[in-house]
């Protein structure tokens, strides 16, 4: 085997923790921004005088629209 072929799995294993950390931190930042956005949306709806039960329905839909699982599922369906 060539030298490069022997080391390629080692190079991938070395880079894997760095990639996992970057994706993990990015995910946590996204979740924090999403949570702040949902809270601001709820606060705005309630301050504008919307009934709480109707506001909670809209807030739940807003929260679900930003779900990573739903976003990934939508993207995968579009690729098919």
PDB file of N, CA and C in Angstrom:
ATOM      1  N   UNK A   1       0.832  -1.189   0.000  1.00  0.00           N
ATOM      2  CA  UNK A   1       0.000   0.000   0.000  1.00  0.00           C
ATOM      3  C   UNK A   1       0.874   1.248   0.000  1.00  0.00           C
ATOM      4  N   UNK A   2       0.293   2.316  -0.445  1.00  0.00           N
ATOM      5  CA  UNK A   2       1.050   3.562  -0.459  1.00  0.00           C
ATOM      6  C   UNK A   2       1.076   4.177   0.931  1.00  0.00           C
ATOM      7  N   UNK A   3       1.987   5.106   1.091  1.00  0.00           N
ATOM      8  CA  UNK A   3       2.091   5.786   2.392  1.00  0.00           C
ATOM      9  C   UNK A   3       0.825   6.571   2.704  1.00  0.00           C
ATOM     10  N   UNK A   4       0.303   7.206   1.716  1.00  0.00           N
ATOM     11  CA  UNK A   4      -0.883   8.023   1.947  1.00  0.00           C
ATOM     12  C   UNK A   4      -2.095   7.169   2.316  1.00  0.00           C
ATOM     13  N   UNK A   5      -2.248   6.033   1.712  1.00  0.00           N
ATOM     14  CA  UNK A   5      -3.367   5.156   1.998  1.00  0.00           C
ATOM     15  C   UNK A   5      -3.335   4.614   3.410  1.00  0.00           C
ATOM     16  N   UNK A   6      -2.131   4.400   3.933  1.00  0.00           N
ATOM     17  CA  UNK A   6      -2.009   3.892   5.303  1.00  0.00           C
ATOM     18  C   UNK A   6      -2.373   4.951   6.334  1.00  0.00           C
ATOM     19  N   UNK A   7      -2.092   6.200   6.032  1.00  0.00           N
ATOM     20  CA  UNK A   7      -2.304   7.268   7.013  1.00  0.00           C
ATOM     21  C   UNK A   7      -3.667   7.931   6.907  1.00  0.00           C
ATOM     22  N   UNK A   8      -4.376   7.718   5.845  1.00  0.00           N
ATOM     23  CA  UNK A   8      -5.651   8.413   5.635  1.00  0.00           C
ATOM     24  C   UNK A   8      -6.659   8.173   6.771  1.00  0.00           C
ATOM     25  N   UNK A   9      -6.859   6.933   7.227  1.00  0.00           N
ATOM     26  CA  UNK A   9      -7.786   6.758   8.356  1.00  0.00           C
ATOM     27  C   UNK A   9      -7.325   7.480   9.624  1.00  0.00           C
ATOM     28  N   UNK A  10      -6.031   7.555   9.826  1.00  0.00           N
ATOM     29  CA  UNK A  10      -5.500   8.251  11.005  1.00  0.00           C
ATOM     30  C   UNK A  10      -5.779   9.746  10.898  1.00  0.00           C
ATOM     31  N   UNK A  11      -5.633  10.289   9.708  1.00  0.00           N
ATOM     32  CA  UNK A  11      -5.901  11.714   9.498  1.00  0.00           C
ATOM     33  C   UNK A  11      -7.375  12.012   9.760  1.00  0.00           C
ATOM     34  N   UNK A  12      -8.253  11.137   9.277  1.00  0.00           N
ATOM     35  CA  UNK A  12      -9.686  11.325   9.533  1.00  0.00           C
ATOM     36  C   UNK A  12     -10.001  11.233  11.021  1.00  0.00           C
ATOM     37  N   UNK A  13      -9.394  10.298  11.709  1.00  0.00           N
ATOM     38  CA  UNK A  13      -9.648  10.137  13.141  1.00  0.00           C
ATOM     39  C   UNK A  13      -9.119  11.333  13.925  1.00  0.00           C
ATOM     40  N   UNK A  14      -8.074  11.948  13.440  1.00  0.00           N
ATOM     41  CA  UNK A  14      -7.522  13.125  14.109  1.00  0.00           C
ATOM     42  C   UNK A  14      -8.452  14.326  13.937  1.00  0.00           C
ATOM     43  N   UNK A  15      -9.060  14.455  12.779  1.00  0.00           N
ATOM     44  CA  UNK A  15      -9.923  15.603  12.492  1.00  0.00           C
ATOM     45  C   UNK A  15     -11.326  15.440  13.057  1.00  0.00           C
ATOM     46  N   UNK A  16     -11.738  14.231  13.336  1.00  0.00           N
ATOM     47  CA  UNK A  16     -13.103  13.969  13.774  1.00  0.00           C
ATOM     48  C   UNK A  16     -13.499  14.710  15.059  1.00  0.00           C
ATOM     49  N   UNK A  17     -12.690  14.714  16.119  1.00  0.00           N
ATOM     50  CA  UNK A  17     -13.097  15.453  17.323  1.00  0.00           C
ATOM     51  C   UNK A  17     -13.253  16.954  17.089  1.00  0.00           C
ATOM     52  N   UNK A  18     -12.412  17.524  16.245  1.00  0.00           N
ATOM     53  CA  UNK A  18     -12.513  18.956  15.953  1.00  0.00           C
ATOM     54  C   UNK A  18     -13.819  19.253  15.225  1.00  0.00           C
ATOM     55  N   UNK A  19     -14.147  18.432  14.243  1.00  0.00           N
ATOM     56  CA  UNK A  19     -15.410  18.627  13.515  1.00  0.00           C
ATOM     57  C   UNK A  19     -16.615  18.444  14.428  1.00  0.00           C
ATOM     58  N   UNK A  20     -16.553  17.441  15.281  1.00  0.00           N
ATOM     59  CA  UNK A  20     -17.665  17.201  16.207  1.00  0.00           C
ATOM     60  C   UNK A  20     -17.843  18.386  17.155  1.00  0.00           C
ATOM     61  N   UNK A  21     -16.746  18.947  17.637  1.00  0.00           N
ATOM     62  CA  UNK A  21     -16.828  20.100  18.535  1.00  0.00           C
ATOM     63  C   UNK A  21     -17.413  21.310  17.814  1.00  0.00           C
ATOM     64  N   UNK A  22     -16.975  21.550  16.586  1.00  0.00           N
ATOM     65  CA  UNK A  22     -17.503  22.698  15.836  1.00  0.00           C
ATOM     66  C   UNK A  22     -18.991  22.556  15.572  1.00  0.00           C
ATOM     67  N   UNK A  23     -19.415  21.374  15.128  1.00  0.00           N
ATOM     68  CA  UNK A  23     -20.838  21.162  14.883  1.00  0.00           C
ATOM     69  C   UNK A  23     -21.630  21.230  16.183  1.00  0.00           C
ATOM     70  N   UNK A  24     -21.073  20.695  17.256  1.00  0.00           N
ATOM     71  CA  UNK A  24     -21.762  20.722  18.548  1.00  0.00           C
ATOM     72  C   UNK A  24     -21.972  22.134  19.054  1.00  0.00           C
ATOM     73  N   UNK A  25     -20.905  22.952  19.016  1.00  0.00           N
ATOM     74  CA  UNK A  25     -21.039  24.334  19.482  1.00  0.00           C
ATOM     75  C   UNK A  25     -21.978  25.121  18.589  1.00  0.00           C
ATOM     76  N   UNK A  26     -21.905  24.874  17.302  1.00  0.00           N
ATOM     77  CA  UNK A  26     -22.825  25.552  16.388  1.00  0.00           C
ATOM     78  C   UNK A  26     -24.269  25.189  16.674  1.00  0.00           C
ATOM     79  N   UNK A  27     -24.508  23.922  16.975  1.00  0.00           N
ATOM     80  CA  UNK A  27     -25.855  23.471  17.313  1.00  0.00           C
ATOM     81  C   UNK A  27     -26.350  24.139  18.592  1.00  0.00           C
ATOM     82  N   UNK A  28     -25.493  24.213  19.613  1.00  0.00           N
ATOM     83  CA  UNK A  28     -25.902  24.847  20.870  1.00  0.00           C
ATOM     84  C   UNK A  28     -26.173  26.337  20.689  1.00  0.00           C
ATOM     85  N   UNK A  29     -25.383  27.007  19.867  1.00  0.00           N
ATOM     86  CA  UNK A  29     -25.640  28.424  19.589  1.00  0.00           C
ATOM     87  C   UNK A  29     -26.973  28.581  18.867  1.00  0.00           C
ATOM     88  N   UNK A  30     -27.247  27.710  17.908  1.00  0.00           N
ATOM     89  CA  UNK A  30     -28.519  27.758  17.183  1.00  0.00           C
ATOM     90  C   UNK A  30     -29.691  27.559  18.140  1.00  0.00           C
ATOM     91  N   UNK A  31     -29.560  26.578  19.032  1.00  0.00           N
ATOM     92  CA  UNK A  31     -30.648  26.301  19.977  1.00  0.00           C
ATOM     93  C   UNK A  31     -30.889  27.495  20.894  1.00  0.00           C
ATOM     94  N   UNK A  32     -29.834  28.164  21.341  1.00  0.00           N
ATOM     95  CA  UNK A  32     -29.979  29.327  22.224  1.00  0.00           C
ATOM     96  C   UNK A  32     -30.674  30.474  21.487  1.00  0.00           C
ATOM     97  N   UNK A  33     -30.273  30.732  20.241  1.00  0.00           N
ATOM     98  CA  UNK A  33     -30.927  31.792  19.460  1.00  0.00           C
ATOM     99  C   UNK A  33     -32.392  31.455  19.206  1.00  0.00           C
ATOM    100  N   UNK A  34     -32.655  30.203  18.933  1.00  0.00           N
ATOM    101  CA  UNK A  34     -34.033  29.760  18.692  1.00  0.00           C
ATOM    102  C   UNK A  34     -34.884  29.976  19.937  1.00  0.00           C
ATOM    103  N   UNK A  35     -34.340  29.621  21.087  1.00  0.00           N
ATOM    104  CA  UNK A  35     -35.075  29.776  22.343  1.00  0.00           C
ATOM    105  C   UNK A  35     -35.369  31.250  22.625  1.00  0.00           C
ATOM    106  N   UNK A  36     -34.375  32.120  22.405  1.00  0.00           N
ATOM    107  CA  UNK A  36     -34.602  33.558  22.605  1.00  0.00           C
ATOM    108  C   UNK A  36     -35.645  34.088  21.631  1.00  0.00           C
ATOM    109  N   UNK A  37     -35.614  33.605  20.401  1.00  0.00           N
ATOM    110  CA  UNK A  37     -36.593  34.039  19.411  1.00  0.00           C
ATOM    111  C   UNK A  37     -38.003  33.631  19.770  1.00  0.00           C
ATOM    112  N   UNK A  38     -38.157  32.419  20.265  1.00  0.00           N
ATOM    113  CA  UNK A  38     -39.483  31.937  20.666  1.00  0.00           C
ATOM    114  C   UNK A  38     -40.004  32.756  21.843  1.00  0.00           C
ATOM    115  N   UNK A  39     -39.129  33.051  22.799  1.00  0.00           N
ATOM    116  CA  UNK A  39     -39.552  33.866  23.953  1.00  0.00           C
ATOM    117  C   UNK A  39     -39.967  35.262  23.519  1.00  0.00           C
ATOM    118  N   UNK A  40     -39.195  35.877  22.621  1.00  0.00           N
ATOM    119  CA  UNK A  40     -39.526  37.222  22.135  1.00  0.00           C
ATOM    120  C   UNK A  40     -40.843  37.195  21.366  1.00  0.00           C
ATOM    121  N   UNK A  41     -41.053  36.162  20.573  1.00  0.00           N
ATOM    122  CA  UNK A  41     -42.301  36.018  19.818  1.00  0.00           C
ATOM    123  C   UNK A  41     -43.481  35.900  20.773  1.00  0.00           C
ATOM    124  N   UNK A  42     -43.357  35.070  21.794  1.00  0.00           N
ATOM    125  CA  UNK A  42     -44.429  34.898  22.786  1.00  0.00           C
ATOM    126  C   UNK A  42     -44.725  36.228  23.490  1.00  0.00           C
ATOM    127  N   UNK A  43     -43.659  36.894  23.921  1.00  0.00           N
ATOM    128  CA  UNK A  43     -43.822  38.161  24.642  1.00  0.00           C
ATOM    129  C   UNK A  43     -44.532  39.191  23.762  1.00  0.00           C
ATOM    130  N   UNK A  44     -44.148  39.278  22.497  1.00  0.00           N
ATOM    131  CA  UNK A  44     -44.760  40.236  21.577  1.00  0.00           C
ATOM    132  C   UNK A  44     -46.245  39.936  21.359  1.00  0.00           C
ATOM    133  N   UNK A  45     -46.559  38.662  21.187  1.00  0.00           N
ATOM    134  CA  UNK A  45     -47.970  38.299  20.990  1.00  0.00           C
ATOM    135  C   UNK A  45     -48.808  38.647  22.213  1.00  0.00           C
ATOM    136  N   UNK A  46     -48.293  38.322  23.396  1.00  0.00           N
ATOM    137  CA  UNK A  46     -49.058  38.598  24.614  1.00  0.00           C
ATOM    138  C   UNK A  46     -49.170  40.093  24.877  1.00  0.00           C
ATOM    139  N   UNK A  47     -48.108  40.850  24.605  1.00  0.00           N
ATOM    140  CA  UNK A  47     -48.152  42.299  24.814  1.00  0.00           C
ATOM    141  C   UNK A  47     -49.101  42.988  23.845  1.00  0.00           C
ATOM    142  N   UNK A  48     -49.301  42.385  22.680  1.00  0.00           N
ATOM    143  CA  UNK A  48     -50.214  42.986  21.699  1.00  0.00           C
ATOM    144  C   UNK A  48     -51.676  42.687  22.029  1.00  0.00           C
ATOM    145  N   UNK A  49     -51.905  41.857  23.053  1.00  0.00           N
ATOM    146  CA  UNK A  49     -53.269  41.600  23.500  1.00  0.00           C
ATOM    147  C   UNK A  49     -53.884  40.310  22.990  1.00  0.00           C
ATOM    148  N   UNK A  50     -53.090  39.447  22.411  1.00  0.00           N
ATOM    149  CA  UNK A  50     -53.626  38.177  21.917  1.00  0.00           C
ATOM    150  C   UNK A  50     -53.952  37.266  23.107  1.00  0.00           C
ATOM    151  N   UNK A  51     -55.048  36.533  23.046  1.00  0.00           N
ATOM    152  CA  UNK A  51     -55.370  35.591  24.124  1.00  0.00           C
ATOM    153  C   UNK A  51     -54.257  34.539  24.285  1.00  0.00           C
ATOM    154  N   UNK A  52     -53.998  34.156  25.528  1.00  0.00           N
ATOM    155  CA  UNK A  52     -52.881  33.264  25.835  1.00  0.00           C
ATOM    156  C   UNK A  52     -52.975  31.924  25.107  1.00  0.00           C
ATOM    157  N   UNK A  53     -54.149  31.322  25.027  1.00  0.00           N
ATOM    158  CA  UNK A  53     -54.257  30.014  24.372  1.00  0.00           C
ATOM    159  C   UNK A  53     -53.963  30.099  22.875  1.00  0.00           C
ATOM    160  N   UNK A  54     -54.430  31.176  22.246  1.00  0.00           N
ATOM    161  CA  UNK A  54     -54.142  31.359  20.819  1.00  0.00           C
ATOM    162  C   UNK A  54     -52.656  31.668  20.607  1.00  0.00           C
ATOM    163  N   UNK A  55     -52.085  32.473  21.495  1.00  0.00           N
ATOM    164  CA  UNK A  55     -50.658  32.797  21.396  1.00  0.00           C
ATOM    165  C   UNK A  55     -49.806  31.539  21.563  1.00  0.00           C
ATOM    166  N   UNK A  56     -50.159  30.679  22.499  1.00  0.00           N
ATOM    167  CA  UNK A  56     -49.375  29.460  22.726  1.00  0.00           C
ATOM    168  C   UNK A  56     -49.419  28.524  21.520  1.00  0.00           C
ATOM    169  N   UNK A  57     -50.563  28.493  20.823  1.00  0.00           N
ATOM    170  CA  UNK A  57     -50.660  27.684  19.606  1.00  0.00           C
ATOM    171  C   UNK A  57     -49.688  28.205  18.547  1.00  0.00           C
ATOM    172  N   UNK A  58     -49.664  29.515  18.368  1.00  0.00           N
ATOM    173  CA  UNK A  58     -48.753  30.107  17.387  1.00  0.00           C
ATOM    174  C   UNK A  58     -47.293  29.954  17.797  1.00  0.00           C
ATOM    175  N   UNK A  59     -47.031  30.111  19.087  1.00  0.00           N
ATOM    176  CA  UNK A  59     -45.657  29.971  19.585  1.00  0.00           C
ATOM    177  C   UNK A  59     -45.163  28.542  19.368  1.00  0.00           C
ATOM    178  N   UNK A  60     -46.016  27.565  19.604  1.00  0.00           N
ATOM    179  CA  UNK A  60     -45.618  26.169  19.393  1.00  0.00           C
ATOM    180  C   UNK A  60     -45.315  25.906  17.916  1.00  0.00           C
ATOM    181  N   UNK A  61     -46.129  26.466  17.038  1.00  0.00           N
ATOM    182  CA  UNK A  61     -45.881  26.308  15.593  1.00  0.00           C
ATOM    183  C   UNK A  61     -44.572  26.983  15.197  1.00  0.00           C
ATOM    184  N   UNK A  62     -44.299  28.158  15.768  1.00  0.00           N
ATOM    185  CA  UNK A  62     -43.046  28.878  15.495  1.00  0.00           C
ATOM    186  C   UNK A  62     -41.853  28.073  15.995  1.00  0.00           C
ATOM    187  N   UNK A  63     -41.992  27.492  17.166  1.00  0.00           N
ATOM    188  CA  UNK A  63     -40.926  26.668  17.748  1.00  0.00           C
ATOM    189  C   UNK A  63     -40.670  25.432  16.885  1.00  0.00           C
ATOM    190  N   UNK A  64     -41.727  24.783  16.464  1.00  0.00           N
ATOM    191  CA  UNK A  64     -41.593  23.574  15.648  1.00  0.00           C
ATOM    192  C   UNK A  64     -40.994  23.867  14.275  1.00  0.00           C
ATOM    193  N   UNK A  65     -41.264  25.048  13.740  1.00  0.00           N
ATOM    194  CA  UNK A  65     -40.739  25.404  12.414  1.00  0.00           C
ATOM    195  C   UNK A  65     -39.220  25.491  12.422  1.00  0.00           C
ATOM    196  N   UNK A  66     -38.623  25.810  13.565  1.00  0.00           N
ATOM    197  CA  UNK A  66     -37.169  25.920  13.658  1.00  0.00           C
ATOM    198  C   UNK A  66     -36.492  24.664  14.139  1.00  0.00           C
ATOM    199  N   UNK A  67     -37.215  23.563  14.211  1.00  0.00           N
ATOM    200  CA  UNK A  67     -36.652  22.306  14.685  1.00  0.00           C
ATOM    201  C   UNK A  67     -35.585  21.802  13.716  1.00  0.00           C
ATOM    202  N   UNK A  68     -34.426  21.446  14.246  1.00  0.00           N
ATOM    203  CA  UNK A  68     -33.348  20.925  13.413  1.00  0.00           C
ATOM    204  C   UNK A  68     -33.783  19.639  12.733  1.00  0.00           C
ATOM    205  N   UNK A  69     -34.479  18.803  13.432  1.00  0.00           N
ATOM    206  CA  UNK A  69     -34.963  17.548  12.850  1.00  0.00           C
ATOM    207  C   UNK A  69     -35.889  17.826  11.667  1.00  0.00           C
ATOM    208  N   UNK A  70     -36.772  18.807  11.829  1.00  0.00           N
ATOM    209  CA  UNK A  70     -37.684  19.152  10.741  1.00  0.00           C
ATOM    210  C   UNK A  70     -36.933  19.810   9.585  1.00  0.00           C
ATOM    211  N   UNK A  71     -35.981  20.687   9.891  1.00  0.00           N
ATOM    212  CA  UNK A  71     -35.207  21.336   8.835  1.00  0.00           C
ATOM    213  C   UNK A  71     -34.407  20.315   8.032  1.00  0.00           C
ATOM    214  N   UNK A  72     -33.790  19.375   8.711  1.00  0.00           N
ATOM    215  CA  UNK A  72     -33.022  18.343   8.012  1.00  0.00           C
ATOM    216  C   UNK A  72     -33.947  17.439   7.198  1.00  0.00           C
ATOM    217  N   UNK A  73     -35.088  17.102   7.749  1.00  0.00           N
ATOM    218  CA  UNK A  73     -36.039  16.264   7.029  1.00  0.00           C
ATOM    219  C   UNK A  73     -36.553  16.937   5.772  1.00  0.00           C
ATOM    220  N   UNK A  74     -36.829  18.236   5.867  1.00  0.00           N
ATOM    221  CA  UNK A  74     -37.284  18.983   4.701  1.00  0.00           C
ATOM    222  C   UNK A  74     -36.204  19.024   3.638  1.00  0.00           C
ATOM    223  N   UNK A  75     -34.968  19.258   4.061  1.00  0.00           N
ATOM    224  CA  UNK A  75     -33.865  19.312   3.106  1.00  0.00           C
ATOM    225  C   UNK A  75     -33.633  17.980   2.416  1.00  0.00           C
ATOM    226  N   UNK A  76     -33.756  16.898   3.161  1.00  0.00           N
ATOM    227  CA  UNK A  76     -33.559  15.575   2.568  1.00  0.00           C
ATOM    228  C   UNK A  76     -34.675  15.238   1.592  1.00  0.00           C
ATOM    229  N   UNK A  77     -35.898  15.642   1.913  1.00  0.00           N
ATOM    230  CA  UNK A  77     -37.019  15.378   1.005  1.00  0.00           C
ATOM    231  C   UNK A  77     -36.870  16.146  -0.305  1.00  0.00           C
ATOM    232  N   UNK A  78     -36.298  17.343  -0.221  1.00  0.00           N
ATOM    233  CA  UNK A  78     -36.115  18.142  -1.432  1.00  0.00           C
ATOM    234  C   UNK A  78     -35.046  17.540  -2.333  1.00  0.00           C
ATOM    235  N   UNK A  79     -34.095  16.822  -1.756  1.00  0.00           N
ATOM    236  CA  UNK A  79     -33.036  16.212  -2.549  1.00  0.00           C
ATOM    237  C   UNK A  79     -33.516  14.998  -3.318  1.00  0.00           C
ATOM    238  N   UNK A  80     -34.596  14.389  -2.898  1.00  0.00           N
ATOM    239  CA  UNK A  80     -35.101  13.176  -3.553  1.00  0.00           C
ATOM    240  C   UNK A  80     -35.739  13.456  -4.869  1.00  0.00           C
TER     241      UNK A  80
END
